[in-house]
């Protein structure tokens, strides 16, 4: 299952496994977990969200994002996307396809972090193509740090 490929087995092996149904806003629990982590299978569309494993803070972030509400980040959160992903935009958290004339942003294996307040991101680059940590969705309530781990994005 792709959900388990998103993180080290020490995390995904005991995580809750969720699959996206036909609707992007509908989640189906495939297996209840015991470690507080949730792993979600790849959406398999052109978007290729990529499988991910997220801690409880990140799951709250995703719930807010799906509801188009500002997330309330109360502590540092971590999410793994070790199989990489494609994103329509590095600046628009709700873009469903790249702007005309632009390609999908291809991210290699990475870890994502969030922290309370945006100040922890001050001074970090926003360039998704530099194979170094960068801020995705800078200047929005959905800003987070992308940390490449072992493979360059596009």
C-alpha atoms as a PDB file:
ATOM      1  CA  UNK A   1       0.000   0.000   0.000  1.00  0.00           C
ATOM      2  CA  UNK A   2       1.368   3.420  -0.930  1.00  0.00           C
ATOM      3  CA  UNK A   3       0.444   4.981   2.420  1.00  0.00           C
ATOM      4  CA  UNK A   4       3.089   2.920   4.181  1.00  0.00           C
ATOM      5  CA  UNK A   5       5.833   4.076   1.762  1.00  0.00           C
ATOM      6  CA  UNK A   6       5.554   7.665   2.982  1.00  0.00           C
ATOM      7  CA  UNK A   7       7.548   7.243   6.202  1.00  0.00           C
ATOM      8  CA  UNK A   8      10.011   4.904   7.876  1.00  0.00           C
ATOM      9  CA  UNK A   9       8.358   1.632   8.906  1.00  0.00           C
ATOM     10  CA  UNK A  10       8.967   2.549  12.543  1.00  0.00           C
ATOM     11  CA  UNK A  11       6.228   5.154  11.987  1.00  0.00           C
ATOM     12  CA  UNK A  12       4.044   3.740   9.195  1.00  0.00           C
ATOM     13  CA  UNK A  13       4.005   0.224  10.655  1.00  0.00           C
ATOM     14  CA  UNK A  14       1.735   1.260  13.544  1.00  0.00           C
ATOM     15  CA  UNK A  15       0.053   4.311  12.011  1.00  0.00           C
ATOM     16  CA  UNK A  16      -3.604   4.724  11.129  1.00  0.00           C
ATOM     17  CA  UNK A  17      -3.942   4.128   7.380  1.00  0.00           C
ATOM     18  CA  UNK A  18      -6.332   6.282   5.377  1.00  0.00           C
ATOM     19  CA  UNK A  19      -7.301   6.098   1.722  1.00  0.00           C
ATOM     20  CA  UNK A  20      -8.766   8.928  -0.312  1.00  0.00           C
ATOM     21  CA  UNK A  21     -12.114   7.940  -1.787  1.00  0.00           C
ATOM     22  CA  UNK A  22     -13.426   9.219  -5.120  1.00  0.00           C
ATOM     23  CA  UNK A  23     -14.005  12.609  -3.520  1.00  0.00           C
ATOM     24  CA  UNK A  24     -10.857  14.433  -2.453  1.00  0.00           C
ATOM     25  CA  UNK A  25     -12.604  15.617   0.713  1.00  0.00           C
ATOM     26  CA  UNK A  26     -13.622  12.122   1.795  1.00  0.00           C
ATOM     27  CA  UNK A  27     -11.308   9.885   3.799  1.00  0.00           C
ATOM     28  CA  UNK A  28     -11.717   6.181   4.522  1.00  0.00           C
ATOM     29  CA  UNK A  29      -9.900   4.540   7.453  1.00  0.00           C
ATOM     30  CA  UNK A  30      -8.313   1.275   6.304  1.00  0.00           C
ATOM     31  CA  UNK A  31      -6.581   0.431   9.583  1.00  0.00           C
ATOM     32  CA  UNK A  32      -6.650   2.003  13.020  1.00  0.00           C
ATOM     33  CA  UNK A  33      -3.205   2.792  14.368  1.00  0.00           C
ATOM     34  CA  UNK A  34      -1.622   2.855  17.787  1.00  0.00           C
ATOM     35  CA  UNK A  35       1.154   5.466  17.564  1.00  0.00           C
ATOM     36  CA  UNK A  36      -0.627   8.787  16.888  1.00  0.00           C
ATOM     37  CA  UNK A  37       0.523   8.960  13.248  1.00  0.00           C
ATOM     38  CA  UNK A  38      -1.742   8.837  10.196  1.00  0.00           C
ATOM     39  CA  UNK A  39      -0.591   7.702   6.761  1.00  0.00           C
ATOM     40  CA  UNK A  40      -2.583   8.586   3.654  1.00  0.00           C
ATOM     41  CA  UNK A  41      -2.300   6.800   0.307  1.00  0.00           C
ATOM     42  CA  UNK A  42      -1.384   8.641  -2.882  1.00  0.00           C
ATOM     43  CA  UNK A  43      -4.371  10.114  -4.692  1.00  0.00           C
ATOM     44  CA  UNK A  44      -3.128   8.560  -8.018  1.00  0.00           C
ATOM     45  CA  UNK A  45      -4.338  11.516 -10.109  1.00  0.00           C
ATOM     46  CA  UNK A  46      -2.160  13.769 -12.273  1.00  0.00           C
ATOM     47  CA  UNK A  47      -1.778  15.874  -9.155  1.00  0.00           C
ATOM     48  CA  UNK A  48      -0.065  12.926  -7.430  1.00  0.00           C
ATOM     49  CA  UNK A  49      -0.402  14.359  -3.954  1.00  0.00           C
ATOM     50  CA  UNK A  50       1.978  11.624  -2.906  1.00  0.00           C
ATOM     51  CA  UNK A  51       1.545   9.326   0.069  1.00  0.00           C
ATOM     52  CA  UNK A  52       2.163  10.989   3.407  1.00  0.00           C
ATOM     53  CA  UNK A  53       2.446  10.173   7.084  1.00  0.00           C
ATOM     54  CA  UNK A  54       1.574  12.959   9.487  1.00  0.00           C
ATOM     55  CA  UNK A  55       1.573  13.499  13.221  1.00  0.00           C
ATOM     56  CA  UNK A  56      -1.520  14.796  15.009  1.00  0.00           C
ATOM     57  CA  UNK A  57      -0.565  18.461  14.558  1.00  0.00           C
ATOM     58  CA  UNK A  58      -0.247  17.994  10.809  1.00  0.00           C
ATOM     59  CA  UNK A  59      -3.558  16.144  10.637  1.00  0.00           C
ATOM     60  CA  UNK A  60      -5.204  19.207  12.204  1.00  0.00           C
ATOM     61  CA  UNK A  61      -3.441  21.309   9.554  1.00  0.00           C
ATOM     62  CA  UNK A  62      -4.812  19.064   6.771  1.00  0.00           C
ATOM     63  CA  UNK A  63      -8.329  19.183   8.220  1.00  0.00           C
ATOM     64  CA  UNK A  64      -8.192  22.998   8.228  1.00  0.00           C
ATOM     65  CA  UNK A  65      -6.778  23.058   4.680  1.00  0.00           C
ATOM     66  CA  UNK A  66      -9.528  20.747   3.410  1.00  0.00           C
ATOM     67  CA  UNK A  67     -12.130  23.023   5.034  1.00  0.00           C
ATOM     68  CA  UNK A  68     -10.328  26.125   3.664  1.00  0.00           C
ATOM     69  CA  UNK A  69      -9.920  27.429   7.202  1.00  0.00           C
ATOM     70  CA  UNK A  70      -6.750  28.755   8.794  1.00  0.00           C
ATOM     71  CA  UNK A  71      -5.002  25.986  10.724  1.00  0.00           C
ATOM     72  CA  UNK A  72      -4.338  26.493  14.414  1.00  0.00           C
ATOM     73  CA  UNK A  73      -0.764  25.328  14.940  1.00  0.00           C
ATOM     74  CA  UNK A  74      -0.061  24.925  18.649  1.00  0.00           C
ATOM     75  CA  UNK A  75       3.160  22.938  18.498  1.00  0.00           C
ATOM     76  CA  UNK A  76       5.811  21.760  16.059  1.00  0.00           C
ATOM     77  CA  UNK A  77       4.446  19.161  13.658  1.00  0.00           C
ATOM     78  CA  UNK A  78       6.144  16.713  11.303  1.00  0.00           C
ATOM     79  CA  UNK A  79       4.967  14.938   8.176  1.00  0.00           C
ATOM     80  CA  UNK A  80       6.851  12.548   5.905  1.00  0.00           C
ATOM     81  CA  UNK A  81       6.504  12.313   2.128  1.00  0.00           C
ATOM     82  CA  UNK A  82       9.345   9.949   1.316  1.00  0.00           C
ATOM     83  CA  UNK A  83       7.835   8.976  -2.046  1.00  0.00           C
ATOM     84  CA  UNK A  84       7.759  12.620  -3.182  1.00  0.00           C
ATOM     85  CA  UNK A  85       4.842  14.496  -4.710  1.00  0.00           C
ATOM     86  CA  UNK A  86       3.669  16.849  -7.448  1.00  0.00           C
ATOM     87  CA  UNK A  87       2.278  20.261  -6.551  1.00  0.00           C
ATOM     88  CA  UNK A  88       0.448  22.739  -8.744  1.00  0.00           C
ATOM     89  CA  UNK A  89       1.928  25.759  -6.964  1.00  0.00           C
ATOM     90  CA  UNK A  90       4.445  26.658  -4.294  1.00  0.00           C
ATOM     91  CA  UNK A  91       2.469  29.811  -3.448  1.00  0.00           C
ATOM     92  CA  UNK A  92      -1.247  28.946  -3.794  1.00  0.00           C
ATOM     93  CA  UNK A  93      -2.376  26.267  -1.319  1.00  0.00           C
ATOM     94  CA  UNK A  94      -5.589  25.633  -3.284  1.00  0.00           C
ATOM     95  CA  UNK A  95      -4.235  25.443  -6.842  1.00  0.00           C
ATOM     96  CA  UNK A  96      -5.434  22.263  -8.543  1.00  0.00           C
ATOM     97  CA  UNK A  97      -3.300  22.601 -11.665  1.00  0.00           C
ATOM     98  CA  UNK A  98      -0.257  24.650 -12.636  1.00  0.00           C
ATOM     99  CA  UNK A  99      -0.708  28.118 -14.067  1.00  0.00           C
ATOM    100  CA  UNK A 100      -0.815  28.282 -17.867  1.00  0.00           C
ATOM    101  CA  UNK A 101       2.633  27.601 -19.306  1.00  0.00           C
ATOM    102  CA  UNK A 102       4.031  26.212 -16.039  1.00  0.00           C
ATOM    103  CA  UNK A 103       4.792  22.626 -15.047  1.00  0.00           C
ATOM    104  CA  UNK A 104       3.923  20.690 -11.924  1.00  0.00           C
ATOM    105  CA  UNK A 105       6.391  21.269  -9.100  1.00  0.00           C
ATOM    106  CA  UNK A 106       8.004  17.875  -8.577  1.00  0.00           C
ATOM    107  CA  UNK A 107       9.242  17.302  -5.045  1.00  0.00           C
ATOM    108  CA  UNK A 108      11.517  14.405  -4.303  1.00  0.00           C
ATOM    109  CA  UNK A 109      11.460  12.652  -0.925  1.00  0.00           C
ATOM    110  CA  UNK A 110      10.940  15.207   1.829  1.00  0.00           C
ATOM    111  CA  UNK A 111       9.852  15.937   5.363  1.00  0.00           C
ATOM    112  CA  UNK A 112       7.511  18.834   6.163  1.00  0.00           C
ATOM    113  CA  UNK A 113       7.454  20.826   9.374  1.00  0.00           C
ATOM    114  CA  UNK A 114       5.061  23.374  10.837  1.00  0.00           C
ATOM    115  CA  UNK A 115       5.451  25.495  13.939  1.00  0.00           C
ATOM    116  CA  UNK A 116       3.340  27.981  15.882  1.00  0.00           C
ATOM    117  CA  UNK A 117       3.457  31.440  14.299  1.00  0.00           C
ATOM    118  CA  UNK A 118       5.199  32.026  11.017  1.00  0.00           C
ATOM    119  CA  UNK A 119       8.297  33.601  12.489  1.00  0.00           C
ATOM    120  CA  UNK A 120      10.237  30.348  12.454  1.00  0.00           C
ATOM    121  CA  UNK A 121      10.149  30.584   8.637  1.00  0.00           C
ATOM    122  CA  UNK A 122      11.612  34.109   8.393  1.00  0.00           C
ATOM    123  CA  UNK A 123      14.716  34.155   6.259  1.00  0.00           C
ATOM    124  CA  UNK A 124      14.190  30.738   4.657  1.00  0.00           C
ATOM    125  CA  UNK A 125      14.139  30.591   0.849  1.00  0.00           C
ATOM    126  CA  UNK A 126      10.915  30.042  -1.102  1.00  0.00           C
ATOM    127  CA  UNK A 127      12.589  28.352  -4.082  1.00  0.00           C
ATOM    128  CA  UNK A 128      11.370  24.789  -4.532  1.00  0.00           C
ATOM    129  CA  UNK A 129      14.176  24.022  -6.991  1.00  0.00           C
ATOM    130  CA  UNK A 130      17.254  24.515  -4.831  1.00  0.00           C
ATOM    131  CA  UNK A 131      17.358  21.042  -3.174  1.00  0.00           C
ATOM    132  CA  UNK A 132      17.506  22.725   0.247  1.00  0.00           C
ATOM    133  CA  UNK A 133      14.842  23.500   2.868  1.00  0.00           C
ATOM    134  CA  UNK A 134      12.329  26.092   1.691  1.00  0.00           C
ATOM    135  CA  UNK A 135       8.975  27.580   2.658  1.00  0.00           C
ATOM    136  CA  UNK A 136       5.921  26.407   0.769  1.00  0.00           C
ATOM    137  CA  UNK A 137       2.827  28.653   0.716  1.00  0.00           C
ATOM    138  CA  UNK A 138       4.782  31.534   2.294  1.00  0.00           C
ATOM    139  CA  UNK A 139       2.638  34.428   3.468  1.00  0.00           C
ATOM    140  CA  UNK A 140      -0.462  32.250   3.886  1.00  0.00           C
ATOM    141  CA  UNK A 141      -1.845  30.501   6.965  1.00  0.00           C
ATOM    142  CA  UNK A 142      -0.716  27.243   5.307  1.00  0.00           C
ATOM    143  CA  UNK A 143       3.006  28.095   5.222  1.00  0.00           C
ATOM    144  CA  UNK A 144       5.302  25.220   6.126  1.00  0.00           C
ATOM    145  CA  UNK A 145       8.901  24.139   5.637  1.00  0.00           C
ATOM    146  CA  UNK A 146       9.786  21.510   3.045  1.00  0.00           C
ATOM    147  CA  UNK A 147      13.020  19.629   3.810  1.00  0.00           C
ATOM    148  CA  UNK A 148      14.391  17.491   0.947  1.00  0.00           C
ATOM    149  CA  UNK A 149      15.848  14.173   2.108  1.00  0.00           C
ATOM    150  CA  UNK A 150      17.832  12.197  -0.392  1.00  0.00           C
ATOM    151  CA  UNK A 151      16.621  13.369  -3.770  1.00  0.00           C
ATOM    152  CA  UNK A 152      16.368  16.557  -5.732  1.00  0.00           C
ATOM    153  CA  UNK A 153      13.038  17.868  -6.909  1.00  0.00           C
ATOM    154  CA  UNK A 154      12.615  19.257 -10.399  1.00  0.00           C
END
